[in-house]
Each structure stands twice: as C-alpha cells, then as structure tokens.
Amino acid sequence: MGKPVDHYKLLPWMCAAIERANADSRAFVELDGCRFKRMFVALGASLNGFIMGCRKMLFVDGTHLSGPYEGTMLAAVALDVDNHIFDVAYAIVGGETNEDWLWFLTTLQECLGGMKPVVMSDRHNGLLAGVARVFGVENHTYCVRHLMENLMTEAGRLGIRRNESKDLIKEMFNRVAYATIAAEYDFALEELRKFKCELAQWVEKNEPERWAQSKFKKERWGKLNNNPVQSWNKWMRKLRRMSIPWLVLGHLQKVGMKWDKRKEEL
C-alpha cells in the first residue's frame, strides 16, 4: 500500500471520482505548493437532500484527527424530518483557524445555492466570525450544553464546589434556556440571581438572544444542543485514525450502508 504520505497522491483522483459518480457533488483538494493544504467533500445526494427534505438548520463542529499526519476535520450535519442525522459536508484542514472555518462555511454556502439556514455551534472564535460573515449573525445560535459547561466553570471560579449546588445551578440554567416565553425566562433568571447574582450576570453577558428558547427569533425545532454533530464525530471515530484517503473511502462506505439501511426501513 506504500507509505501514508504516498496516499495523498490519490486525493485528486478520488475527488474527481466522487464528482463523476455522484451528480451535484463537490469534492476538491487545495495544495500549498506541492503539499496538501485542505480538502472539501459534499455528496450531491446530501446537498440535495438537505435543500429539499431537511429542516433548515446546520450543526457544525471541528474534531482532531489522529492519523499519520493528524489535522482537523470540520463537519456540518443536519436532521431530517424523522430526526435522523443527515450528512451534509466535511473538510480536512490543518486546524480550527479562522481562515479554515471561513473557507469551509463559504464553500458550504456556495454548495447550498446561497441558502442561509440556522447554524448551531460551540462558539469557537473561528465560528463566531465565520458564521456571522457567511450566514449572518442572526442565524447563529449557540449550543446550550457548551454554555452550561462554561457556566459551571464560572461557578467554580466563584468558589461553588458542592455537587448539590452544582446540580441546582444546572437545573436553574436549564429553566432559563428552555423557557418558552419572556415571562418564564425573566422568572427563571431572577431565581438564578437570588441564588448567585454573578451567575445571572454571566448569563446576561453571554448573549442569551443567541441561545435562549424565548429570545432566539429563528426556528430551531426545539434543538438547543449540538448533539447531532457530536454523534457524527463519534460515528467517524475509527476513521479519524486513518490517513485521509482511507477516511474518505470509509466515509463513502458508511454513508452507503446507512442509506441502504434507511431504504429497507421505508
């Protein structure tokens, strides 16, 4: 099979094969001189499926690769009408830089014909800048689970250590996040303020209009966490240890098996 470095020579051929075999697909490699820089893959069936049959909401995230030359995989997934995870696009890049996130999001939007769906993220700096620029800040929503983790870090900084207190904070924060109307949100936030004023102030400073159920103006179909793309990352876990050509091939096989299984269930 040759050395892992030799496998990279296959990538342009693989991209051409993907586009040839799957109508409307977008797959290409960018080079830095003679060296691999980054790669983008979006299958035509995935793009058309999202445009025509999925809820208009993308879940995006980046995860590290552990293959011979490491790197980072950026991914965007969606949910279909049956709440099944739906592949949309992924990319292999050097790291979660602002430049790479902007490139990925811009290419993705081009593939979607300029569509501007709601985009959920974990508030990575590259995503804060990239989503605002490509899809509009009004379409960017934040993962409540990541916000809760940040809030618990703040609670620890304030000296809150007891598990009972931490559980209570989580419960009160969920009431704030999942309140469906403004009055419920205000009441829940006031409860948190009475418990620890600094925690309520933290909530107010961290853009509740981007994540609180009662404040975010776009439709999210009740999805306030980035769980779909986290599950997709786990689904790809074994492939992330491989060199990039084997990762690409493995993904094609997994997607084909998933689609075949879905057809059998219909």
Protein backbone atom coordinates (compact mmCIF):
# COMPACT_ATOMS: atom_id res chain seq x y z
CA MET A 1 0.00 0.00 0.00
CA GLY A 2 3.03 2.30 0.19
CA LYS A 3 3.78 4.95 2.77
CA PRO A 4 0.95 7.12 4.18
CA VAL A 5 2.48 10.18 2.52
CA ASP A 6 2.04 8.48 -0.87
CA HIS A 7 -1.69 8.06 -0.23
CA TYR A 8 -2.19 11.81 -0.62
CA LYS A 9 -1.43 11.46 -4.33
CA LEU A 10 -4.74 9.61 -4.62
CA LEU A 11 -6.85 12.50 -3.34
CA PRO A 12 -7.33 14.48 -6.60
CA TRP A 13 -8.33 11.25 -8.35
CA MET A 14 -10.73 10.37 -5.51
CA CYS A 15 -12.35 13.82 -5.67
CA ALA A 16 -12.83 13.52 -9.42
CA ALA A 17 -14.34 10.06 -8.94
CA ILE A 18 -16.76 11.34 -6.29
CA GLU A 19 -17.97 14.16 -8.55
CA ARG A 20 -18.22 11.81 -11.54
CA ALA A 21 -20.20 9.14 -9.68
CA ASN A 22 -22.46 11.44 -7.63
CA ALA A 23 -24.24 14.19 -9.54
CA ASP A 24 -24.08 17.66 -7.97
CA SER A 25 -21.26 16.61 -5.60
CA ARG A 26 -18.47 18.99 -4.68
CA ALA A 27 -15.10 17.46 -3.82
CA PHE A 28 -11.72 19.07 -4.26
CA VAL A 29 -8.24 19.37 -2.79
CA GLU A 30 -6.24 22.55 -2.30
CA LEU A 31 -2.45 22.46 -2.29
CA ASP A 32 0.17 24.70 -0.76
CA GLY A 33 2.80 24.35 -3.41
CA CYS A 34 3.19 20.58 -3.68
CA ARG A 35 1.87 19.88 -0.18
CA PHE A 36 -1.64 19.05 0.92
CA LYS A 37 -3.43 22.06 2.43
CA ARG A 38 -7.10 21.15 2.80
CA MET A 39 -9.93 19.16 1.26
CA PHE A 40 -13.70 19.62 0.98
CA VAL A 41 -16.30 16.88 0.37
CA ALA A 42 -20.07 17.22 -0.02
CA LEU A 43 -22.02 14.49 -1.78
CA GLY A 44 -24.69 15.63 -4.22
CA ALA A 45 -27.33 13.44 -2.59
CA SER A 46 -26.52 15.04 0.76
CA LEU A 47 -26.70 18.59 -0.57
CA ASN A 48 -29.94 17.98 -2.46
CA GLY A 49 -31.39 16.07 0.47
CA PHE A 50 -30.70 18.98 2.81
CA ILE A 51 -32.11 21.55 0.41
CA MET A 52 -35.27 19.57 -0.39
CA GLY A 53 -36.02 17.48 2.67
CA CYS A 54 -34.27 18.55 5.87
CA ARG A 55 -35.02 21.14 8.50
CA LYS A 56 -33.03 24.24 7.63
CA MET A 57 -30.59 24.02 10.49
CA LEU A 58 -26.93 23.01 10.41
CA PHE A 59 -24.89 21.67 13.32
CA VAL A 60 -21.18 22.40 12.88
CA ASP A 61 -18.08 21.37 14.80
CA GLY A 62 -14.41 20.53 14.42
CA THR A 63 -12.61 17.48 15.78
CA HIS A 64 -8.99 16.37 15.75
CA LEU A 65 -7.67 13.62 13.51
CA SER A 66 -5.22 11.12 14.93
CA GLY A 67 -3.91 9.59 11.71
CA PRO A 68 -0.29 9.65 10.48
CA TYR A 69 -0.34 13.41 9.83
CA GLU A 70 -3.12 14.49 12.19
CA GLY A 71 -5.04 17.66 11.26
CA THR A 72 -8.66 18.63 11.93
CA MET A 73 -11.97 17.59 10.43
CA LEU A 74 -14.67 20.25 10.12
CA ALA A 75 -18.20 18.95 9.70
CA ALA A 76 -21.74 20.14 9.06
CA VAL A 77 -24.71 17.85 9.61
CA ALA A 78 -28.47 18.28 9.78
CA LEU A 79 -31.57 16.41 10.93
CA ASP A 80 -34.16 15.05 8.55
CA VAL A 81 -37.89 15.11 9.27
CA ASP A 82 -37.58 11.86 11.24
CA ASN A 83 -34.78 13.33 13.42
CA HIS A 84 -32.13 11.11 11.81
CA ILE A 85 -28.64 12.60 11.50
CA PHE A 86 -28.07 13.69 7.91
CA ASP A 87 -24.57 14.16 6.44
CA VAL A 88 -24.13 17.47 4.63
CA ALA A 89 -20.41 18.24 4.23
CA TYR A 90 -17.00 17.84 5.81
CA ALA A 91 -13.47 19.12 5.28
CA ILE A 92 -9.96 18.15 6.27
CA VAL A 93 -7.82 21.14 7.31
CA GLY A 94 -4.70 21.89 9.33
CA GLY A 95 -6.58 23.23 12.36
CA GLU A 96 -9.61 25.16 13.58
CA THR A 97 -8.34 28.51 12.37
CA ASN A 98 -10.49 31.50 11.47
CA GLU A 99 -9.33 31.17 7.86
CA ASP A 100 -10.24 27.49 7.57
CA TRP A 101 -13.66 27.94 9.16
CA LEU A 102 -14.43 30.87 6.85
CA TRP A 103 -13.31 28.82 3.83
CA PHE A 104 -15.42 25.82 4.89
CA LEU A 105 -18.55 27.85 5.59
CA THR A 106 -18.21 29.89 2.39
CA THR A 107 -17.76 26.76 0.27
CA LEU A 108 -20.69 25.10 2.01
CA GLN A 109 -22.99 28.05 1.37
CA GLU A 110 -21.99 28.06 -2.29
CA CYS A 111 -22.92 24.37 -2.46
CA LEU A 112 -26.32 25.22 -0.95
CA GLY A 113 -27.03 27.88 -3.55
CA GLY A 114 -26.61 30.80 -1.16
CA MET A 115 -29.10 29.44 1.39
CA LYS A 116 -28.81 30.85 4.91
CA PRO A 117 -30.02 28.22 7.40
CA VAL A 118 -29.69 28.50 11.17
CA VAL A 119 -26.22 27.35 12.25
CA MET A 120 -25.53 25.92 15.72
CA SER A 121 -22.00 25.91 17.13
CA ASP A 122 -19.96 25.78 20.32
CA ARG A 123 -18.88 29.44 19.94
CA HIS A 124 -15.37 28.71 18.69
CA ASN A 125 -13.73 32.01 17.71
CA GLY A 126 -13.45 30.93 14.08
CA LEU A 127 -17.16 30.14 14.01
CA LEU A 128 -18.19 33.39 15.70
CA ALA A 129 -16.50 35.32 12.90
CA GLY A 130 -17.22 32.91 10.05
CA VAL A 131 -20.93 32.26 10.63
CA ALA A 132 -21.63 35.98 11.07
CA ARG A 133 -19.88 36.77 7.81
CA VAL A 134 -21.30 33.94 5.69
CA PHE A 135 -24.76 33.18 7.10
CA GLY A 136 -25.44 36.31 9.17
CA VAL A 137 -25.20 36.71 12.93
CA GLU A 138 -28.99 36.49 13.16
CA ASN A 139 -28.77 32.86 12.00
CA HIS A 140 -26.10 31.83 14.51
CA THR A 141 -27.26 30.01 17.62
CA TYR A 142 -25.13 28.59 20.43
CA CYS A 143 -25.14 25.12 21.96
CA VAL A 144 -26.77 25.26 25.41
CA ARG A 145 -24.73 22.29 26.66
CA HIS A 146 -21.45 24.08 25.96
CA LEU A 147 -22.81 27.21 27.62
CA MET A 148 -23.71 25.20 30.71
CA GLU A 149 -20.14 23.85 30.84
CA ASN A 150 -18.84 27.43 30.67
CA LEU A 151 -21.28 28.49 33.39
CA MET A 152 -20.11 25.67 35.66
CA THR A 153 -16.52 26.80 35.12
CA GLU A 154 -17.61 30.26 36.22
CA ALA A 155 -19.36 28.75 39.26
CA GLY A 156 -16.12 27.01 40.22
CA ARG A 157 -14.25 30.28 39.88
CA LEU A 158 -16.76 31.80 42.30
CA GLY A 159 -15.99 29.08 44.86
CA ILE A 160 -19.03 26.86 44.32
CA ARG A 161 -17.80 23.30 44.84
CA ARG A 162 -20.62 21.21 46.37
CA ASN A 163 -22.30 18.78 43.95
CA GLU A 164 -25.72 19.68 45.33
CA SER A 165 -25.14 23.35 44.48
CA LYS A 166 -23.83 22.48 41.03
CA ASP A 167 -26.90 20.35 40.30
CA LEU A 168 -29.14 23.21 41.39
CA ILE A 169 -27.30 25.66 39.13
CA LYS A 170 -27.71 23.31 36.16
CA GLU A 171 -31.42 22.99 36.88
CA MET A 172 -31.88 26.75 37.12
CA PHE A 173 -29.85 27.37 33.96
CA ASN A 174 -31.99 24.87 32.03
CA ARG A 175 -35.09 26.76 33.16
CA VAL A 176 -33.54 29.93 31.75
CA ALA A 177 -32.51 28.29 28.49
CA TYR A 178 -35.71 26.33 27.82
CA ALA A 179 -38.25 28.95 28.96
CA THR A 180 -40.63 29.39 26.04
CA ILE A 181 -41.88 32.91 26.77
CA ALA A 182 -40.25 36.08 28.09
CA ALA A 183 -42.08 35.97 31.44
CA GLU A 184 -40.80 32.45 32.15
CA TYR A 185 -37.28 33.48 31.16
CA ASP A 186 -37.36 36.52 33.46
CA PHE A 187 -38.67 34.45 36.37
CA ALA A 188 -36.01 31.75 35.87
CA LEU A 189 -33.22 34.30 35.58
CA GLU A 190 -34.40 36.01 38.75
CA GLU A 191 -34.26 32.68 40.60
CA LEU A 192 -30.66 32.28 39.47
CA ARG A 193 -29.90 35.86 40.51
CA LYS A 194 -31.21 35.21 44.04
CA PHE A 195 -29.00 32.13 44.29
CA LYS A 196 -25.86 33.84 42.96
CA CYS A 197 -26.02 37.28 41.40
CA GLU A 198 -22.75 36.81 39.50
CA LEU A 199 -24.12 33.78 37.66
CA ALA A 200 -27.15 35.71 36.45
CA GLN A 201 -24.84 38.48 35.29
CA TRP A 202 -22.78 35.89 33.42
CA VAL A 203 -25.92 34.72 31.61
CA GLU A 204 -26.82 38.28 30.63
CA LYS A 205 -23.32 38.95 29.31
CA ASN A 206 -23.25 35.81 27.17
CA GLU A 207 -25.77 36.78 24.51
CA PRO A 208 -28.95 34.94 25.60
CA GLU A 209 -30.56 36.24 22.40
CA ARG A 210 -28.38 33.70 20.56
CA TRP A 211 -29.42 30.61 22.55
CA ALA A 212 -32.35 31.09 24.97
CA GLN A 213 -35.55 29.48 23.66
CA SER A 214 -37.63 32.57 24.38
CA LYS A 215 -35.19 35.01 22.76
CA PHE A 216 -33.73 33.44 19.61
CA LYS A 217 -36.01 34.50 16.76
CA LYS A 218 -35.40 31.77 14.18
CA GLU A 219 -36.92 28.28 14.15
CA ARG A 220 -34.78 25.56 15.80
CA TRP A 221 -37.42 22.84 16.15
CA GLY A 222 -36.62 22.54 19.85
CA LYS A 223 -32.95 21.68 19.21
CA LEU A 224 -30.79 23.63 21.64
CA ASN A 225 -27.73 21.34 21.73
CA ASN A 226 -25.05 20.41 19.20
CA ASN A 227 -25.60 16.69 19.84
CA PRO A 228 -26.13 15.71 16.16
CA VAL A 229 -22.64 16.71 15.04
CA GLN A 230 -21.11 15.31 18.24
CA SER A 231 -22.78 11.98 17.41
CA TRP A 232 -21.48 12.22 13.85
CA ASN A 233 -17.94 12.73 15.17
CA LYS A 234 -18.30 9.56 17.25
CA TRP A 235 -19.69 7.73 14.19
CA MET A 236 -16.46 8.72 12.36
CA ARG A 237 -14.18 7.95 15.32
CA LYS A 238 -12.41 4.89 13.87
CA LEU A 239 -11.92 6.58 10.51
CA ARG A 240 -10.29 9.59 12.16
CA ARG A 241 -7.29 7.39 12.99
CA MET A 242 -6.65 6.63 9.32
CA SER A 243 -4.83 8.52 6.59
CA ILE A 244 -7.08 10.91 4.67
CA PRO A 245 -7.73 8.72 1.56
CA TRP A 246 -8.87 5.85 3.77
CA LEU A 247 -11.01 8.24 5.80
CA VAL A 248 -12.72 9.47 2.62
CA LEU A 249 -13.26 5.94 1.34
CA GLY A 250 -14.50 4.77 4.73
CA HIS A 251 -16.97 7.65 4.92
CA LEU A 252 -18.39 6.77 1.49
CA GLN A 253 -18.88 3.18 2.62
CA LYS A 254 -20.55 4.18 5.88
CA VAL A 255 -22.89 6.62 4.12
CA GLY A 256 -23.82 3.99 1.53
CA MET A 257 -24.60 1.43 4.22
CA LYS A 258 -26.66 3.98 6.15
CA TRP A 259 -28.70 4.91 3.08
CA ASP A 260 -29.27 1.26 2.19
CA LYS A 261 -30.49 0.56 5.73
CA ARG A 262 -32.81 3.56 5.58
CA LYS A 263 -34.32 2.34 2.31
CA GLU A 264 -35.01 -1.06 3.86
CA GLU A 265 -36.83 0.62 6.74
CA LEU A 266 -39.16 2.58 4.46
